[in-house]
Amino acid sequence: MVVMNDGLNIRTTLAYREYTLFVQSLNRAVHGLKNTDSVPISPTLEKLIILLDKLDSFIDQCPPKGRSRFGDAAYRDWHAKLKQESEQLLKEALPEQYHNYLEELTPYLQDSFGNSTRLDYGTGHELAFVLFLLCLCKIEALTEQDSRAMVLKLFARYLDLCRKLQRTYYLEPAGSKGQWCLDDYQFLPFLWGSSQLTDDGPLEPKQAIDERFYRDLSNDYLYLSAIKFINEVKTGPFFEHSSTLHDISNVAHWSKVNQGMIKMYYGEVLDKFPIAQHILFGNLISFDPVPKPTGEGLFKKPASVTH
């Protein structure tokens, strides 16, 4: 696997094209749905949730040592255990027919929970987890029928784990813009979460930052869960520590919020070299240029992958 350098443009790659289509397809899949809605969950997806539960249990085995200036060093113990156990955990979660892909899948999973050297976590690690999901779809371990559960169940569980890691080990935000960013750590809960909240839904954008709403509805919607978490870890008026989200709350319709989130995700995450430079490229996530359209969808094994 390789990483890009500063002289290359990720936007011309097959990986960029497939990833953006994947994010958009999941965005459409959860439109108008709640996290608590009953959706089909395949056996493989259920096992991936169990995998995250096991990673969560590692936190108890690696108790905090005491906060230093930059995070808690016990996170390195947790991350070392992640690296030690992740391939075996994936082997247990995936049917045997996909085990030939473990060598390429494992680094994406390992990169999804932060950096053990810098003791930080950010949107690049979140991106790694979604690349992991994309890989699973490309090899057909997950299918299009899993789309809703991928966001509402699996990604929601991933967020819970990441927030626990952030709070337990005081992880630094990776590349945060402070009050001018959406959130110190995540982006996709706002993108996919704004798709869940429809124009004729239970609340307007301006109500999403009102405690009376996000407190009661945070279990149902990714967006409100993210707002709730921000208010739990930050102090002071919301308009001061989260000015961009405060401004977004003045948009009249959720459909407009969602459209804006997609554009912002490209501009602030995918198109930024400090994030893109860490993407791992291989057979599944290809740095090859975008080919001419073939009519095939995302959920198709790439011809370049061999067993």
Protein backbone atom coordinates (compact mmCIF):
# COMPACT_ATOMS: atom_id res chain seq x y z
CA MET A 1 0.00 0.00 0.00
CA VAL A 2 1.19 3.54 -0.75
CA VAL A 3 0.36 7.13 0.22
CA MET A 4 0.17 10.13 -2.08
CA ASN A 5 2.65 12.99 -2.29
CA ASP A 6 2.11 16.72 -2.65
CA GLY A 7 2.50 16.66 -6.42
CA LEU A 8 -0.50 14.42 -7.05
CA ASN A 9 -4.18 15.37 -7.28
CA ILE A 10 -6.50 13.02 -5.43
CA ARG A 11 -9.55 14.42 -7.23
CA THR A 12 -8.49 12.72 -10.46
CA THR A 13 -8.29 9.28 -8.87
CA LEU A 14 -10.65 6.35 -8.98
CA ALA A 15 -10.53 6.30 -5.17
CA TYR A 16 -11.89 9.85 -4.93
CA ARG A 17 -14.66 9.11 -7.40
CA GLU A 18 -15.73 5.90 -5.67
CA TYR A 19 -15.52 7.39 -2.19
CA THR A 20 -17.62 10.44 -3.03
CA LEU A 21 -20.25 8.28 -4.74
CA PHE A 22 -20.25 5.99 -1.71
CA VAL A 23 -20.78 8.86 0.74
CA GLN A 24 -23.60 10.21 -1.42
CA SER A 25 -25.25 6.80 -1.75
CA LEU A 26 -25.28 6.36 2.03
CA ASN A 27 -26.58 9.91 2.35
CA ARG A 28 -29.56 8.99 0.19
CA ALA A 29 -30.04 5.65 1.95
CA VAL A 30 -30.72 7.21 5.37
CA HIS A 31 -32.94 10.05 4.15
CA GLY A 32 -35.77 10.51 6.62
CA LEU A 33 -34.73 7.56 8.81
CA LYS A 34 -33.95 7.43 12.53
CA ASN A 35 -31.09 5.54 14.15
CA THR A 36 -33.69 3.59 16.10
CA ASP A 37 -35.69 2.53 13.03
CA SER A 38 -35.78 -1.17 12.25
CA VAL A 39 -33.64 -1.83 9.17
CA PRO A 40 -32.21 -5.07 7.74
CA ILE A 41 -28.92 -6.06 9.40
CA SER A 42 -26.89 -8.79 7.71
CA PRO A 43 -24.94 -11.34 9.77
CA THR A 44 -21.64 -9.78 8.66
CA LEU A 45 -22.73 -6.32 9.72
CA GLU A 46 -23.86 -7.68 13.07
CA LYS A 47 -20.42 -9.22 13.56
CA LEU A 48 -18.76 -5.91 12.69
CA ILE A 49 -20.78 -4.24 15.44
CA ILE A 50 -19.55 -6.96 17.80
CA LEU A 51 -16.00 -6.21 16.63
CA LEU A 52 -16.47 -2.58 17.72
CA ASP A 53 -17.87 -3.79 21.05
CA LYS A 54 -14.66 -5.78 21.56
CA LEU A 55 -12.52 -2.74 20.76
CA ASP A 56 -14.59 -0.84 23.32
CA SER A 57 -13.79 -3.50 25.92
CA PHE A 58 -10.07 -2.88 25.37
CA ILE A 59 -10.55 0.52 27.04
CA ASP A 60 -11.23 -1.20 30.36
CA GLN A 61 -8.01 -3.19 29.88
CA CYS A 62 -6.02 0.02 29.25
CA PRO A 63 -7.11 2.42 32.03
CA PRO A 64 -6.00 6.07 31.86
CA LYS A 65 -2.60 6.82 33.36
CA GLY A 66 -3.26 10.48 33.99
CA ARG A 67 -3.60 13.32 31.54
CA SER A 68 -0.42 14.99 30.33
CA ARG A 69 -0.16 18.16 28.27
CA PHE A 70 -1.24 16.31 25.13
CA GLY A 71 -3.62 13.46 25.91
CA ASP A 72 -3.24 10.35 28.03
CA ALA A 73 -0.40 7.96 27.18
CA ALA A 74 -2.63 4.97 28.00
CA TYR A 75 -4.19 5.52 24.58
CA ARG A 76 -0.98 4.10 23.12
CA ASP A 77 -1.63 0.89 25.04
CA TRP A 78 -5.16 0.74 23.64
CA HIS A 79 -3.93 1.43 20.12
CA ALA A 80 -1.22 -1.22 20.42
CA LYS A 81 -3.89 -3.74 21.41
CA LEU A 82 -5.98 -2.62 18.43
CA LYS A 83 -3.07 -3.28 16.08
CA GLN A 84 -2.30 -6.59 17.74
CA GLU A 85 -5.86 -7.93 17.63
CA SER A 86 -7.49 -6.25 14.62
CA GLU A 87 -6.65 -8.81 11.95
CA GLN A 88 -7.90 -11.68 14.10
CA LEU A 89 -11.06 -9.75 14.96
CA LEU A 90 -11.68 -9.13 11.27
CA LYS A 91 -11.12 -12.81 10.55
CA GLU A 92 -13.81 -13.63 13.10
CA ALA A 93 -16.20 -11.04 11.66
CA LEU A 94 -15.87 -11.89 7.97
CA PRO A 95 -16.77 -15.14 6.22
CA GLU A 96 -13.74 -17.19 5.19
CA GLN A 97 -14.17 -16.33 1.51
CA TYR A 98 -13.04 -12.77 2.30
CA HIS A 99 -9.98 -13.63 4.38
CA ASN A 100 -7.66 -13.13 1.39
CA TYR A 101 -8.47 -9.42 1.67
CA LEU A 102 -7.46 -9.08 5.33
CA GLU A 103 -4.00 -7.75 4.54
CA GLU A 104 -5.52 -4.77 2.75
CA LEU A 105 -8.57 -4.29 4.97
CA THR A 106 -6.74 -4.28 8.29
CA PRO A 107 -4.75 -1.01 7.85
CA TYR A 108 -7.97 0.94 7.20
CA LEU A 109 -9.52 -0.40 10.38
CA GLN A 110 -6.37 0.31 12.38
CA ASP A 111 -6.26 3.89 11.08
CA SER A 112 -9.89 4.59 12.02
CA PHE A 113 -9.43 5.44 15.69
CA GLY A 114 -6.70 8.05 15.90
CA ASN A 115 -2.93 8.40 15.90
CA SER A 116 -0.98 6.82 18.74
CA THR A 117 2.10 8.99 18.22
CA ARG A 118 0.30 12.34 18.28
CA LEU A 119 -2.49 11.18 20.62
CA ASP A 120 -5.05 12.77 18.33
CA TYR A 121 -8.15 11.97 16.29
CA GLY A 122 -9.83 13.83 13.45
CA THR A 123 -11.79 13.67 10.21
CA GLY A 124 -8.97 11.78 8.47
CA HIS A 125 -9.50 8.88 10.86
CA GLU A 126 -13.24 9.06 10.31
CA LEU A 127 -12.51 8.93 6.57
CA ALA A 128 -10.39 5.80 7.09
CA PHE A 129 -13.35 4.03 8.67
CA VAL A 130 -15.60 4.87 5.74
CA LEU A 131 -12.87 3.69 3.36
CA PHE A 132 -12.93 0.46 5.35
CA LEU A 133 -16.69 0.21 4.72
CA LEU A 134 -16.19 1.00 1.04
CA CYS A 135 -13.64 -1.81 0.78
CA LEU A 136 -16.10 -4.23 2.38
CA CYS A 137 -18.69 -3.22 -0.19
CA LYS A 138 -16.27 -3.57 -3.09
CA ILE A 139 -15.45 -7.15 -2.13
CA GLU A 140 -19.18 -7.71 -1.49
CA ALA A 141 -18.78 -8.63 2.16
CA LEU A 142 -21.39 -5.91 2.60
CA THR A 143 -23.99 -5.16 -0.04
CA GLU A 144 -26.27 -2.36 -1.08
CA GLN A 145 -28.94 -3.87 1.18
CA ASP A 146 -26.68 -3.03 4.13
CA SER A 147 -26.55 0.69 3.28
CA ARG A 148 -29.02 1.92 5.88
CA ALA A 149 -27.64 -0.24 8.67
CA MET A 150 -24.09 0.79 7.76
CA VAL A 151 -24.92 4.35 8.83
CA LEU A 152 -27.70 3.95 11.39
CA LYS A 153 -26.21 0.99 13.29
CA LEU A 154 -22.53 0.40 12.44
CA PHE A 155 -21.35 3.98 11.95
CA ALA A 156 -23.40 5.10 14.95
CA ARG A 157 -21.63 2.45 17.05
CA TYR A 158 -18.30 3.61 15.66
CA LEU A 159 -19.09 7.17 16.75
CA ASP A 160 -19.93 6.03 20.27
CA LEU A 161 -16.59 4.24 20.51
CA CYS A 162 -14.63 7.19 19.13
CA ARG A 163 -16.28 9.58 21.56
CA LYS A 164 -15.44 7.26 24.43
CA LEU A 165 -11.81 7.18 23.27
CA GLN A 166 -11.75 10.97 22.99
CA ARG A 167 -13.10 11.45 26.49
CA THR A 168 -11.18 8.64 28.19
CA TYR A 169 -7.77 9.50 26.75
CA TYR A 170 -8.26 13.23 26.12
CA LEU A 171 -7.33 12.86 22.47
CA GLU A 172 -6.30 16.07 20.76
CA PRO A 173 -8.32 17.21 17.73
CA ALA A 174 -6.35 16.52 14.54
CA GLY A 175 -6.34 19.62 12.39
CA SER A 176 -9.13 21.44 14.22
CA LYS A 177 -10.03 24.97 13.19
CA GLY A 178 -11.50 25.62 16.61
CA GLN A 179 -14.76 27.51 16.67
CA TRP A 180 -14.73 27.88 12.88
CA CYS A 181 -15.04 24.16 12.17
CA LEU A 182 -18.15 22.03 12.52
CA ASP A 183 -16.67 19.81 15.20
CA ASP A 184 -13.19 19.13 16.53
CA TYR A 185 -13.34 15.46 15.58
CA GLN A 186 -16.12 14.46 13.16
CA PHE A 187 -17.89 15.62 10.01
CA LEU A 188 -20.07 12.82 8.64
CA PRO A 189 -22.59 12.81 11.52
CA PHE A 190 -23.60 16.25 10.30
CA LEU A 191 -23.68 15.28 6.62
CA TRP A 192 -25.60 12.03 6.95
CA GLY A 193 -27.46 13.37 9.98
CA SER A 194 -28.84 16.30 8.01
CA SER A 195 -30.22 13.80 5.48
CA GLN A 196 -32.06 12.00 8.28
CA LEU A 197 -33.77 15.25 9.23
CA THR A 198 -36.22 16.06 6.43
CA ASP A 199 -37.98 19.33 5.71
CA ASP A 200 -41.28 17.87 6.97
CA GLY A 201 -39.64 16.15 9.95
CA PRO A 202 -39.86 16.67 13.71
CA LEU A 203 -37.77 19.84 13.94
CA GLU A 204 -36.30 22.75 12.01
CA PRO A 205 -32.56 23.44 11.72
CA LYS A 206 -32.77 26.25 14.28
CA GLN A 207 -34.20 23.81 16.85
CA ALA A 208 -31.29 21.35 16.48
CA ILE A 209 -29.08 23.43 18.79
CA ASP A 210 -31.85 23.81 21.39
CA GLU A 211 -31.18 21.53 24.37
CA ARG A 212 -34.86 20.66 24.68
CA PHE A 213 -34.67 18.97 21.28
CA TYR A 214 -31.17 17.48 21.07
CA ARG A 215 -31.46 16.04 24.58
CA ASP A 216 -34.64 14.10 23.77
CA LEU A 217 -33.85 13.15 20.16
CA SER A 218 -30.10 12.49 20.24
CA ASN A 219 -30.58 8.71 20.17
CA ASP A 220 -32.63 9.02 16.99
CA TYR A 221 -30.48 11.33 14.88
CA LEU A 222 -26.73 11.52 14.23
CA TYR A 223 -26.86 15.29 13.88
CA LEU A 224 -28.45 15.81 17.28
CA SER A 225 -26.15 13.28 18.91
CA ALA A 226 -23.19 15.28 17.61
CA ILE A 227 -24.66 18.55 18.91
CA LYS A 228 -25.27 16.93 22.29
CA PHE A 229 -21.67 15.65 22.48
CA ILE A 230 -20.25 19.07 21.62
CA ASN A 231 -22.24 20.65 24.43
CA GLU A 232 -21.02 18.00 26.85
CA VAL A 233 -17.33 18.56 26.14
CA LYS A 234 -17.28 22.33 25.54
CA THR A 235 -18.19 25.19 27.82
CA GLY A 236 -19.64 28.60 27.14
CA PRO A 237 -22.32 29.79 24.72
CA PHE A 238 -22.85 27.59 21.66
CA PHE A 239 -22.54 30.51 19.26
CA GLU A 240 -19.05 31.17 20.61
CA HIS A 241 -17.50 27.69 20.60
CA SER A 242 -19.39 26.41 17.52
CA SER A 243 -20.05 29.48 15.43
CA THR A 244 -20.28 27.64 12.09
CA LEU A 245 -22.90 25.21 13.39
CA HIS A 246 -24.73 28.13 14.94
CA ASP A 247 -24.80 29.90 11.57
CA ILE A 248 -26.01 26.72 9.84
CA SER A 249 -28.93 26.56 12.27
CA ASN A 250 -30.29 29.69 10.59
CA VAL A 251 -30.73 27.88 7.26
CA ALA A 252 -34.45 27.41 6.64
CA HIS A 253 -34.57 23.83 5.34
CA TRP A 254 -32.72 20.59 6.07
CA SER A 255 -32.40 19.85 2.35
CA LYS A 256 -30.35 23.04 2.00
CA VAL A 257 -28.29 22.12 5.06
CA ASN A 258 -27.55 18.72 3.56
CA GLN A 259 -26.52 20.17 0.20
CA GLY A 260 -24.22 22.59 1.98
CA MET A 261 -22.71 19.81 4.09
CA ILE A 262 -21.78 17.81 0.99
CA LYS A 263 -20.01 20.80 -0.56
CA MET A 264 -18.29 21.60 2.72
CA TYR A 265 -17.12 18.01 3.14
CA TYR A 266 -15.39 18.14 -0.21
CA GLY A 267 -13.83 21.54 0.45
CA GLU A 268 -12.81 21.08 4.08
CA VAL A 269 -11.96 17.37 4.23
CA LEU A 270 -11.53 15.46 0.96
CA ASP A 271 -9.77 18.19 -1.00
CA LYS A 272 -7.33 19.10 1.78
CA PHE A 273 -3.84 17.66 1.30
CA PRO A 274 -3.10 17.34 5.07
CA ILE A 275 -5.93 14.79 5.21
CA ALA A 276 -5.61 13.24 1.75
CA GLN A 277 -1.89 12.60 2.20
CA HIS A 278 -2.63 9.92 4.80
CA ILE A 279 -5.00 7.88 2.60
CA LEU A 280 -3.64 4.41 1.89
CA PHE A 281 -3.90 3.28 -1.72
CA GLY A 282 -3.82 -0.30 -2.92
CA ASN A 283 -5.90 -2.67 -5.01
CA LEU A 284 -9.21 -1.79 -3.37
CA ILE A 285 -8.64 1.95 -2.94
CA SER A 286 -6.94 2.78 -6.20
CA PHE A 287 -4.84 5.80 -7.13
CA ASP A 288 -5.47 5.01 -10.81
CA PRO A 289 -7.17 7.75 -12.84
CA VAL A 290 -10.93 7.63 -13.23
CA PRO A 291 -11.78 5.30 -16.16
CA LYS A 292 -14.51 5.85 -18.67
CA PRO A 293 -18.01 4.98 -17.33
CA THR A 294 -18.85 1.28 -17.51
CA GLY A 295 -22.31 1.33 -15.97
CA GLU A 296 -21.20 -0.81 -13.04
CA GLY A 297 -22.04 0.29 -9.51
CA LEU A 298 -20.01 0.61 -6.35
CA PHE A 299 -20.88 -2.82 -5.03
CA LYS A 300 -18.69 -4.70 -7.46
CA LYS A 301 -15.40 -6.48 -6.88
CA PRO A 302 -12.57 -4.64 -8.65
CA ALA A 303 -10.99 -6.67 -11.40
CA SER A 304 -7.52 -5.74 -10.15
CA VAL A 305 -8.01 -7.59 -6.86
CA THR A 306 -6.68 -11.12 -6.96
CA HIS A 307 -6.98 -13.99 -4.51
